[in-house]
């Protein structure tokens, strides 16, 4: 009797979606990295005189960030950040955020990054912490849910209080003076620490710190789960193809007469 052979396909060629799934971390670093770091190119483009490219970056990211200049970093200028009064002097004497956000800088003050300081802290920290996580990925377990909530709580409180404060008008709210904090600390620190949004002030530090904590929480929770899921799926694929190869080898043997 002739040998009976059953055709069982070998491991099929990966689709683009399967390839992305298998290389999810590299894909994340490239795609998310482009998203995160592109806003830093806006002031570079403006410095080089490529106004069209620079303004295009500001425009695109204006849908994802308030871009208020007093809460933004500036490149190629006299200072890394400027208080509201200095911006009003060179731009418009207004507290309207829709008008203030249109100021992108000038030759003297430099050009602002298309992310605000909080967005820089939050979005870039996710990318940086992910890079730091990868070498330790086999050792780090996912963050517990209550730890995730605790790490997100500071940014919720800080961002929420800023939002409420801004209803009184930019520069006029309780988070602009932080008189409550000065009273709590008995005015132990310089006035520049309490008032305004300049680098080194309480507001600036809180935006940076809470953004870092939130980015840390997201990476610690999400990335170990993604890694575990990918390992599980890979193991299932290996088992499935091993079974198929076993069946194929058995069916290709000559049948007994």
C-alpha atoms as a PDB file:
ATOM      1  CA  UNK A   1       0.000   0.000   0.000  1.00  0.00           C
ATOM      2  CA  UNK A   2       1.326   3.434  -0.889  1.00  0.00           C
ATOM      3  CA  UNK A   3       2.191   5.859   1.803  1.00  0.00           C
ATOM      4  CA  UNK A   4      -0.579   8.203   2.836  1.00  0.00           C
ATOM      5  CA  UNK A   5       0.552  11.795   3.246  1.00  0.00           C
ATOM      6  CA  UNK A   6      -1.428  14.608   4.737  1.00  0.00           C
ATOM      7  CA  UNK A   7      -0.288  18.095   3.837  1.00  0.00           C
ATOM      8  CA  UNK A   8      -0.046  20.205   6.952  1.00  0.00           C
ATOM      9  CA  UNK A   9       1.250  23.702   6.416  1.00  0.00           C
ATOM     10  CA  UNK A  10       4.416  24.754   8.152  1.00  0.00           C
ATOM     11  CA  UNK A  11       4.614  27.957  10.099  1.00  0.00           C
ATOM     12  CA  UNK A  12       2.923  30.601   7.933  1.00  0.00           C
ATOM     13  CA  UNK A  13       4.520  33.856   6.980  1.00  0.00           C
ATOM     14  CA  UNK A  14       3.841  36.613   9.486  1.00  0.00           C
ATOM     15  CA  UNK A  15       1.428  39.388   8.616  1.00  0.00           C
ATOM     16  CA  UNK A  16       2.439  42.980   9.259  1.00  0.00           C
ATOM     17  CA  UNK A  17       0.294  42.984  12.390  1.00  0.00           C
ATOM     18  CA  UNK A  18       1.928  39.813  13.672  1.00  0.00           C
ATOM     19  CA  UNK A  19       5.370  41.273  12.993  1.00  0.00           C
ATOM     20  CA  UNK A  20       4.501  44.450  14.899  1.00  0.00           C
ATOM     21  CA  UNK A  21       3.151  42.327  17.756  1.00  0.00           C
ATOM     22  CA  UNK A  22       6.353  40.283  17.853  1.00  0.00           C
ATOM     23  CA  UNK A  23       8.483  43.447  17.777  1.00  0.00           C
ATOM     24  CA  UNK A  24       6.184  45.592  19.874  1.00  0.00           C
ATOM     25  CA  UNK A  25       8.887  47.182  22.007  1.00  0.00           C
ATOM     26  CA  UNK A  26      11.017  48.338  19.077  1.00  0.00           C
ATOM     27  CA  UNK A  27       7.859  49.611  17.385  1.00  0.00           C
ATOM     28  CA  UNK A  28       6.931  51.499  20.536  1.00  0.00           C
ATOM     29  CA  UNK A  29      10.370  53.104  20.851  1.00  0.00           C
ATOM     30  CA  UNK A  30      10.296  54.322  17.252  1.00  0.00           C
ATOM     31  CA  UNK A  31       6.657  55.385  16.846  1.00  0.00           C
ATOM     32  CA  UNK A  32       6.106  56.767  20.332  1.00  0.00           C
ATOM     33  CA  UNK A  33       9.615  58.212  20.327  1.00  0.00           C
ATOM     34  CA  UNK A  34       8.873  60.212  17.191  1.00  0.00           C
ATOM     35  CA  UNK A  35       5.675  61.463  18.804  1.00  0.00           C
ATOM     36  CA  UNK A  36       7.423  62.436  22.043  1.00  0.00           C
ATOM     37  CA  UNK A  37      10.587  64.043  20.714  1.00  0.00           C
ATOM     38  CA  UNK A  38       9.239  65.908  17.671  1.00  0.00           C
ATOM     39  CA  UNK A  39       8.041  68.907  19.783  1.00  0.00           C
ATOM     40  CA  UNK A  40      11.688  69.567  20.669  1.00  0.00           C
ATOM     41  CA  UNK A  41      12.371  70.147  16.973  1.00  0.00           C
ATOM     42  CA  UNK A  42      10.019  73.147  16.811  1.00  0.00           C
ATOM     43  CA  UNK A  43      12.465  75.607  18.452  1.00  0.00           C
ATOM     44  CA  UNK A  44      15.325  74.097  16.444  1.00  0.00           C
ATOM     45  CA  UNK A  45      13.450  74.681  13.193  1.00  0.00           C
ATOM     46  CA  UNK A  46      12.657  78.257  14.202  1.00  0.00           C
ATOM     47  CA  UNK A  47      16.297  78.871  15.098  1.00  0.00           C
ATOM     48  CA  UNK A  48      17.382  77.573  11.687  1.00  0.00           C
ATOM     49  CA  UNK A  49      14.878  79.846   9.976  1.00  0.00           C
ATOM     50  CA  UNK A  50      12.639  76.983   8.885  1.00  0.00           C
ATOM     51  CA  UNK A  51       9.544  78.807  10.059  1.00  0.00           C
ATOM     52  CA  UNK A  52       7.107  76.688   8.063  1.00  0.00           C
ATOM     53  CA  UNK A  53       8.328  73.436   9.596  1.00  0.00           C
ATOM     54  CA  UNK A  54       8.485  74.941  13.079  1.00  0.00           C
ATOM     55  CA  UNK A  55       4.989  76.402  12.941  1.00  0.00           C
ATOM     56  CA  UNK A  56       3.652  73.123  11.559  1.00  0.00           C
ATOM     57  CA  UNK A  57       4.954  71.316  14.657  1.00  0.00           C
ATOM     58  CA  UNK A  58       3.417  73.946  16.951  1.00  0.00           C
ATOM     59  CA  UNK A  59       0.106  73.650  15.110  1.00  0.00           C
ATOM     60  CA  UNK A  60      -0.093  69.850  15.240  1.00  0.00           C
ATOM     61  CA  UNK A  61       0.778  69.638  18.925  1.00  0.00           C
ATOM     62  CA  UNK A  62      -1.519  72.506  19.850  1.00  0.00           C
ATOM     63  CA  UNK A  63      -4.338  69.938  19.714  1.00  0.00           C
ATOM     64  CA  UNK A  64      -2.657  67.902  22.467  1.00  0.00           C
ATOM     65  CA  UNK A  65      -1.190  70.571  24.774  1.00  0.00           C
ATOM     66  CA  UNK A  66      -2.193  74.030  26.000  1.00  0.00           C
ATOM     67  CA  UNK A  67       1.289  75.340  25.054  1.00  0.00           C
ATOM     68  CA  UNK A  68       1.041  78.262  27.477  1.00  0.00           C
ATOM     69  CA  UNK A  69       4.404  80.026  27.174  1.00  0.00           C
ATOM     70  CA  UNK A  70       4.784  80.763  30.898  1.00  0.00           C
ATOM     71  CA  UNK A  71       4.625  76.988  31.470  1.00  0.00           C
ATOM     72  CA  UNK A  72       6.955  76.028  28.639  1.00  0.00           C
ATOM     73  CA  UNK A  73      10.684  75.647  28.177  1.00  0.00           C
ATOM     74  CA  UNK A  74      12.494  77.909  25.704  1.00  0.00           C
ATOM     75  CA  UNK A  75      15.586  77.076  23.658  1.00  0.00           C
ATOM     76  CA  UNK A  76      18.197  79.489  22.295  1.00  0.00           C
ATOM     77  CA  UNK A  77      17.180  82.413  24.516  1.00  0.00           C
ATOM     78  CA  UNK A  78      18.286  84.230  27.639  1.00  0.00           C
ATOM     79  CA  UNK A  79      16.279  82.007  30.006  1.00  0.00           C
ATOM     80  CA  UNK A  80      14.887  78.452  29.965  1.00  0.00           C
ATOM     81  CA  UNK A  81      11.492  79.773  31.168  1.00  0.00           C
ATOM     82  CA  UNK A  82       9.847  83.202  31.427  1.00  0.00           C
ATOM     83  CA  UNK A  83       7.290  84.566  33.890  1.00  0.00           C
ATOM     84  CA  UNK A  84       3.904  85.685  32.661  1.00  0.00           C
ATOM     85  CA  UNK A  85       4.744  89.395  33.056  1.00  0.00           C
ATOM     86  CA  UNK A  86       7.730  89.184  30.708  1.00  0.00           C
ATOM     87  CA  UNK A  87       5.675  87.377  28.086  1.00  0.00           C
ATOM     88  CA  UNK A  88       2.903  89.951  28.372  1.00  0.00           C
ATOM     89  CA  UNK A  89       5.456  92.739  27.864  1.00  0.00           C
ATOM     90  CA  UNK A  90       6.649  91.368  24.515  1.00  0.00           C
ATOM     91  CA  UNK A  91       3.408  89.770  23.339  1.00  0.00           C
ATOM     92  CA  UNK A  92       0.074  91.106  24.569  1.00  0.00           C
ATOM     93  CA  UNK A  93      -1.043  92.304  27.983  1.00  0.00           C
ATOM     94  CA  UNK A  94      -3.664  89.608  28.303  1.00  0.00           C
ATOM     95  CA  UNK A  95      -4.584  86.668  30.496  1.00  0.00           C
ATOM     96  CA  UNK A  96      -6.603  85.005  27.758  1.00  0.00           C
ATOM     97  CA  UNK A  97      -5.020  81.536  27.377  1.00  0.00           C
ATOM     98  CA  UNK A  98      -6.102  81.310  23.739  1.00  0.00           C
ATOM     99  CA  UNK A  99      -4.059  84.429  23.014  1.00  0.00           C
ATOM    100  CA  UNK A 100      -1.135  83.619  25.287  1.00  0.00           C
ATOM    101  CA  UNK A 101      -0.615  80.166  23.768  1.00  0.00           C
ATOM    102  CA  UNK A 102      -0.020  81.745  20.373  1.00  0.00           C
ATOM    103  CA  UNK A 103       3.279  83.220  21.543  1.00  0.00           C
ATOM    104  CA  UNK A 104       6.031  80.866  20.370  1.00  0.00           C
ATOM    105  CA  UNK A 105       9.018  83.096  21.102  1.00  0.00           C
ATOM    106  CA  UNK A 106      11.357  85.466  19.300  1.00  0.00           C
ATOM    107  CA  UNK A 107      15.036  85.915  18.486  1.00  0.00           C
ATOM    108  CA  UNK A 108      15.812  87.394  21.910  1.00  0.00           C
ATOM    109  CA  UNK A 109      13.803  85.108  24.203  1.00  0.00           C
ATOM    110  CA  UNK A 110      14.298  82.003  22.115  1.00  0.00           C
ATOM    111  CA  UNK A 111      11.608  79.600  20.972  1.00  0.00           C
ATOM    112  CA  UNK A 112       9.380  77.448  23.125  1.00  0.00           C
ATOM    113  CA  UNK A 113       9.156  73.667  22.949  1.00  0.00           C
ATOM    114  CA  UNK A 114       5.819  72.536  21.517  1.00  0.00           C
ATOM    115  CA  UNK A 115       5.128  70.621  24.762  1.00  0.00           C
ATOM    116  CA  UNK A 116       4.450  72.363  28.072  1.00  0.00           C
ATOM    117  CA  UNK A 117       6.705  71.450  31.003  1.00  0.00           C
ATOM    118  CA  UNK A 118       4.155  68.966  32.374  1.00  0.00           C
ATOM    119  CA  UNK A 119       3.767  67.241  29.015  1.00  0.00           C
ATOM    120  CA  UNK A 120       7.542  66.994  28.679  1.00  0.00           C
ATOM    121  CA  UNK A 121       7.769  65.413  32.111  1.00  0.00           C
ATOM    122  CA  UNK A 122       4.895  63.004  31.502  1.00  0.00           C
ATOM    123  CA  UNK A 123       5.268  61.922  27.884  1.00  0.00           C
ATOM    124  CA  UNK A 124       9.060  61.746  27.767  1.00  0.00           C
ATOM    125  CA  UNK A 125       9.254  59.922  31.090  1.00  0.00           C
ATOM    126  CA  UNK A 126       7.123  57.092  29.673  1.00  0.00           C
ATOM    127  CA  UNK A 127       9.686  56.636  26.890  1.00  0.00           C
ATOM    128  CA  UNK A 128      12.689  56.939  29.211  1.00  0.00           C
ATOM    129  CA  UNK A 129      11.282  54.620  31.886  1.00  0.00           C
ATOM    130  CA  UNK A 130      10.403  52.083  29.178  1.00  0.00           C
ATOM    131  CA  UNK A 131      14.029  52.067  28.029  1.00  0.00           C
ATOM    132  CA  UNK A 132      15.127  51.572  31.641  1.00  0.00           C
ATOM    133  CA  UNK A 133      12.566  48.785  32.135  1.00  0.00           C
ATOM    134  CA  UNK A 134      13.593  46.696  29.136  1.00  0.00           C
ATOM    135  CA  UNK A 135      16.874  45.228  30.494  1.00  0.00           C
ATOM    136  CA  UNK A 136      15.016  44.269  33.695  1.00  0.00           C
ATOM    137  CA  UNK A 137      11.848  43.042  31.992  1.00  0.00           C
ATOM    138  CA  UNK A 138      12.221  39.434  33.158  1.00  0.00           C
ATOM    139  CA  UNK A 139      12.514  40.481  36.798  1.00  0.00           C
ATOM    140  CA  UNK A 140       9.934  43.240  37.206  1.00  0.00           C
ATOM    141  CA  UNK A 141       6.372  42.227  38.017  1.00  0.00           C
ATOM    142  CA  UNK A 142       3.376  44.465  37.181  1.00  0.00           C
ATOM    143  CA  UNK A 143       2.531  47.231  39.618  1.00  0.00           C
ATOM    144  CA  UNK A 144      -0.456  46.501  41.843  1.00  0.00           C
ATOM    145  CA  UNK A 145      -3.559  48.534  41.046  1.00  0.00           C
ATOM    146  CA  UNK A 146      -3.527  50.532  44.269  1.00  0.00           C
ATOM    147  CA  UNK A 147       0.097  51.494  43.674  1.00  0.00           C
ATOM    148  CA  UNK A 148      -0.882  52.691  40.214  1.00  0.00           C
ATOM    149  CA  UNK A 149      -3.652  54.835  41.684  1.00  0.00           C
ATOM    150  CA  UNK A 150      -1.337  56.303  44.325  1.00  0.00           C
ATOM    151  CA  UNK A 151       1.262  57.268  41.731  1.00  0.00           C
ATOM    152  CA  UNK A 152      -1.383  58.907  39.512  1.00  0.00           C
ATOM    153  CA  UNK A 153      -3.017  60.770  42.385  1.00  0.00           C
ATOM    154  CA  UNK A 154      -0.407  63.581  42.547  1.00  0.00           C
ATOM    155  CA  UNK A 155      -0.829  64.559  38.891  1.00  0.00           C
ATOM    156  CA  UNK A 156      -4.608  64.447  39.267  1.00  0.00           C
ATOM    157  CA  UNK A 157      -4.479  66.743  42.296  1.00  0.00           C
ATOM    158  CA  UNK A 158      -1.886  69.102  40.827  1.00  0.00           C
ATOM    159  CA  UNK A 159      -3.488  69.277  37.387  1.00  0.00           C
ATOM    160  CA  UNK A 160      -6.989  69.556  38.826  1.00  0.00           C
ATOM    161  CA  UNK A 161      -6.042  72.363  41.209  1.00  0.00           C
ATOM    162  CA  UNK A 162      -4.331  74.247  38.367  1.00  0.00           C
ATOM    163  CA  UNK A 163      -7.460  73.895  36.257  1.00  0.00           C
ATOM    164  CA  UNK A 164      -9.670  75.247  39.041  1.00  0.00           C
ATOM    165  CA  UNK A 165      -7.211  78.044  39.757  1.00  0.00           C
ATOM    166  CA  UNK A 166      -7.102  79.113  36.112  1.00  0.00           C
ATOM    167  CA  UNK A 167     -10.843  79.790  36.165  1.00  0.00           C
ATOM    168  CA  UNK A 168      -9.954  82.929  38.136  1.00  0.00           C
ATOM    169  CA  UNK A 169      -7.807  84.010  35.204  1.00  0.00           C
ATOM    170  CA  UNK A 170      -4.237  83.158  34.250  1.00  0.00           C
ATOM    171  CA  UNK A 171      -1.984  84.716  36.871  1.00  0.00           C
ATOM    172  CA  UNK A 172      -4.814  85.452  39.309  1.00  0.00           C
ATOM    173  CA  UNK A 173      -5.639  82.078  40.855  1.00  0.00           C
ATOM    174  CA  UNK A 174      -4.632  80.511  44.152  1.00  0.00           C
ATOM    175  CA  UNK A 175      -2.031  78.359  42.367  1.00  0.00           C
ATOM    176  CA  UNK A 176      -0.397  81.477  40.944  1.00  0.00           C
ATOM    177  CA  UNK A 177       0.375  83.016  44.321  1.00  0.00           C
ATOM    178  CA  UNK A 178       0.419  79.837  46.414  1.00  0.00           C
ATOM    179  CA  UNK A 179      -0.210  82.029  49.441  1.00  0.00           C
ATOM    180  CA  UNK A 180      -1.620  78.967  51.190  1.00  0.00           C
ATOM    181  CA  UNK A 181       1.743  77.201  50.834  1.00  0.00           C
ATOM    182  CA  UNK A 182       3.663  80.254  52.026  1.00  0.00           C
ATOM    183  CA  UNK A 183       1.485  80.379  55.128  1.00  0.00           C
ATOM    184  CA  UNK A 184       1.916  76.643  55.767  1.00  0.00           C
ATOM    185  CA  UNK A 185       5.707  76.938  55.556  1.00  0.00           C
ATOM    186  CA  UNK A 186       5.811  80.239  57.459  1.00  0.00           C
ATOM    187  CA  UNK A 187       7.390  81.939  54.423  1.00  0.00           C
ATOM    188  CA  UNK A 188      10.587  79.950  54.943  1.00  0.00           C
ATOM    189  CA  UNK A 189      11.446  79.928  51.225  1.00  0.00           C
ATOM    190  CA  UNK A 190      12.066  82.760  48.737  1.00  0.00           C
ATOM    191  CA  UNK A 191       9.022  84.508  47.256  1.00  0.00           C
ATOM    192  CA  UNK A 192      10.015  83.248  43.790  1.00  0.00           C
ATOM    193  CA  UNK A 193       9.460  79.682  44.994  1.00  0.00           C
ATOM    194  CA  UNK A 194       5.829  80.308  45.898  1.00  0.00           C
ATOM    195  CA  UNK A 195       4.613  82.590  43.100  1.00  0.00           C
ATOM    196  CA  UNK A 196       4.460  81.993  39.378  1.00  0.00           C
ATOM    197  CA  UNK A 197       5.521  79.146  37.120  1.00  0.00           C
ATOM    198  CA  UNK A 198       9.217  79.828  36.546  1.00  0.00           C
ATOM    199  CA  UNK A 199      11.735  76.997  36.655  1.00  0.00           C
ATOM    200  CA  UNK A 200      12.459  76.180  40.290  1.00  0.00           C
ATOM    201  CA  UNK A 201       9.128  77.437  41.561  1.00  0.00           C
ATOM    202  CA  UNK A 202       6.721  75.196  43.449  1.00  0.00           C
ATOM    203  CA  UNK A 203       4.378  75.020  40.473  1.00  0.00           C
ATOM    204  CA  UNK A 204       7.148  74.089  38.082  1.00  0.00           C
ATOM    205  CA  UNK A 205       8.554  71.440  40.409  1.00  0.00           C
ATOM    206  CA  UNK A 206       5.135  69.908  40.987  1.00  0.00           C
ATOM    207  CA  UNK A 207       4.410  69.654  37.285  1.00  0.00           C
ATOM    208  CA  UNK A 208       7.741  67.972  36.656  1.00  0.00           C
ATOM    209  CA  UNK A 209       7.575  65.604  39.625  1.00  0.00           C
ATOM    210  CA  UNK A 210       3.948  64.562  39.138  1.00  0.00           C
ATOM    211  CA  UNK A 211       4.557  63.972  35.424  1.00  0.00           C
ATOM    212  CA  UNK A 212       7.490  61.708  36.261  1.00  0.00           C
ATOM    213  CA  UNK A 213       5.431  59.755  38.781  1.00  0.00           C
ATOM    214  CA  UNK A 214       2.598  59.263  36.290  1.00  0.00           C
ATOM    215  CA  UNK A 215       4.965  58.103  33.557  1.00  0.00           C
ATOM    216  CA  UNK A 216       6.649  55.725  35.982  1.00  0.00           C
ATOM    217  CA  UNK A 217       3.281  54.297  37.024  1.00  0.00           C
ATOM    218  CA  UNK A 218       2.152  53.655  33.456  1.00  0.00           C
ATOM    219  CA  UNK A 219       5.358  51.852  32.481  1.00  0.00           C
ATOM    220  CA  UNK A 220       5.452  49.772  35.664  1.00  0.00           C
ATOM    221  CA  UNK A 221       1.843  48.680  35.230  1.00  0.00           C
ATOM    222  CA  UNK A 222       1.458  48.259  31.473  1.00  0.00           C
ATOM    223  CA  UNK A 223       4.807  47.036  30.174  1.00  0.00           C
ATOM    224  CA  UNK A 224       5.200  43.947  32.387  1.00  0.00           C
ATOM    225  CA  UNK A 225       1.661  42.901  31.417  1.00  0.00           C
ATOM    226  CA  UNK A 226       2.411  43.379  27.731  1.00  0.00           C
ATOM    227  CA  UNK A 227       5.643  41.410  28.067  1.00  0.00           C
ATOM    228  CA  UNK A 228       3.906  38.564  29.904  1.00  0.00           C
ATOM    229  CA  UNK A 229       1.145  38.444  27.295  1.00  0.00           C
ATOM    230  CA  UNK A 230       3.661  38.338  24.439  1.00  0.00           C
ATOM    231  CA  UNK A 231       5.567  35.511  26.110  1.00  0.00           C
ATOM    232  CA  UNK A 232       2.342  33.579  26.663  1.00  0.00           C
ATOM    233  CA  UNK A 233       1.273  34.007  23.037  1.00  0.00           C
ATOM    234  CA  UNK A 234       4.724  32.979  21.814  1.00  0.00           C
ATOM    235  CA  UNK A 235       4.609  29.840  23.918  1.00  0.00           C
ATOM    236  CA  UNK A 236       1.168  28.968  22.526  1.00  0.00           C
ATOM    237  CA  UNK A 237       2.455  29.469  18.967  1.00  0.00           C
ATOM    238  CA  UNK A 238       5.459  27.238  19.620  1.00  0.00           C
ATOM    239  CA  UNK A 239       3.249  24.497  21.078  1.00  0.00           C
ATOM    240  CA  UNK A 240       0.791  24.727  18.191  1.00  0.00           C
ATOM    241  CA  UNK A 241       3.483  24.415  15.526  1.00  0.00           C
ATOM    242  CA  UNK A 242       5.234  21.631  17.430  1.00  0.00           C
ATOM    243  CA  UNK A 243       1.958  19.668  17.449  1.00  0.00           C
ATOM    244  CA  UNK A 244       1.451  20.306  13.730  1.00  0.00           C
ATOM    245  CA  UNK A 245       4.973  19.119  12.925  1.00  0.00           C
ATOM    246  CA  UNK A 246       4.435  15.980  15.023  1.00  0.00           C
ATOM    247  CA  UNK A 247       1.182  15.180  13.182  1.00  0.00           C
ATOM    248  CA  UNK A 248       2.871  15.848   9.855  1.00  0.00           C
ATOM    249  CA  UNK A 249       5.767  13.486  10.603  1.00  0.00           C
ATOM    250  CA  UNK A 250       3.397  10.744  11.771  1.00  0.00           C
ATOM    251  CA  UNK A 251       1.137  11.046   8.717  1.00  0.00           C
ATOM    252  CA  UNK A 252       4.094  10.908   6.338  1.00  0.00           C
ATOM    253  CA  UNK A 253       5.184   7.443   7.568  1.00  0.00           C
ATOM    254  CA  UNK A 254       4.375   4.465   5.304  1.00  0.00           C
ATOM    255  CA  UNK A 255       1.139   2.776   6.331  1.00  0.00           C
ATOM    256  CA  UNK A 256       1.335  -0.886   7.395  1.00  0.00           C
ATOM    257  CA  UNK A 257       0.156  -3.528   4.826  1.00  0.00           C
END
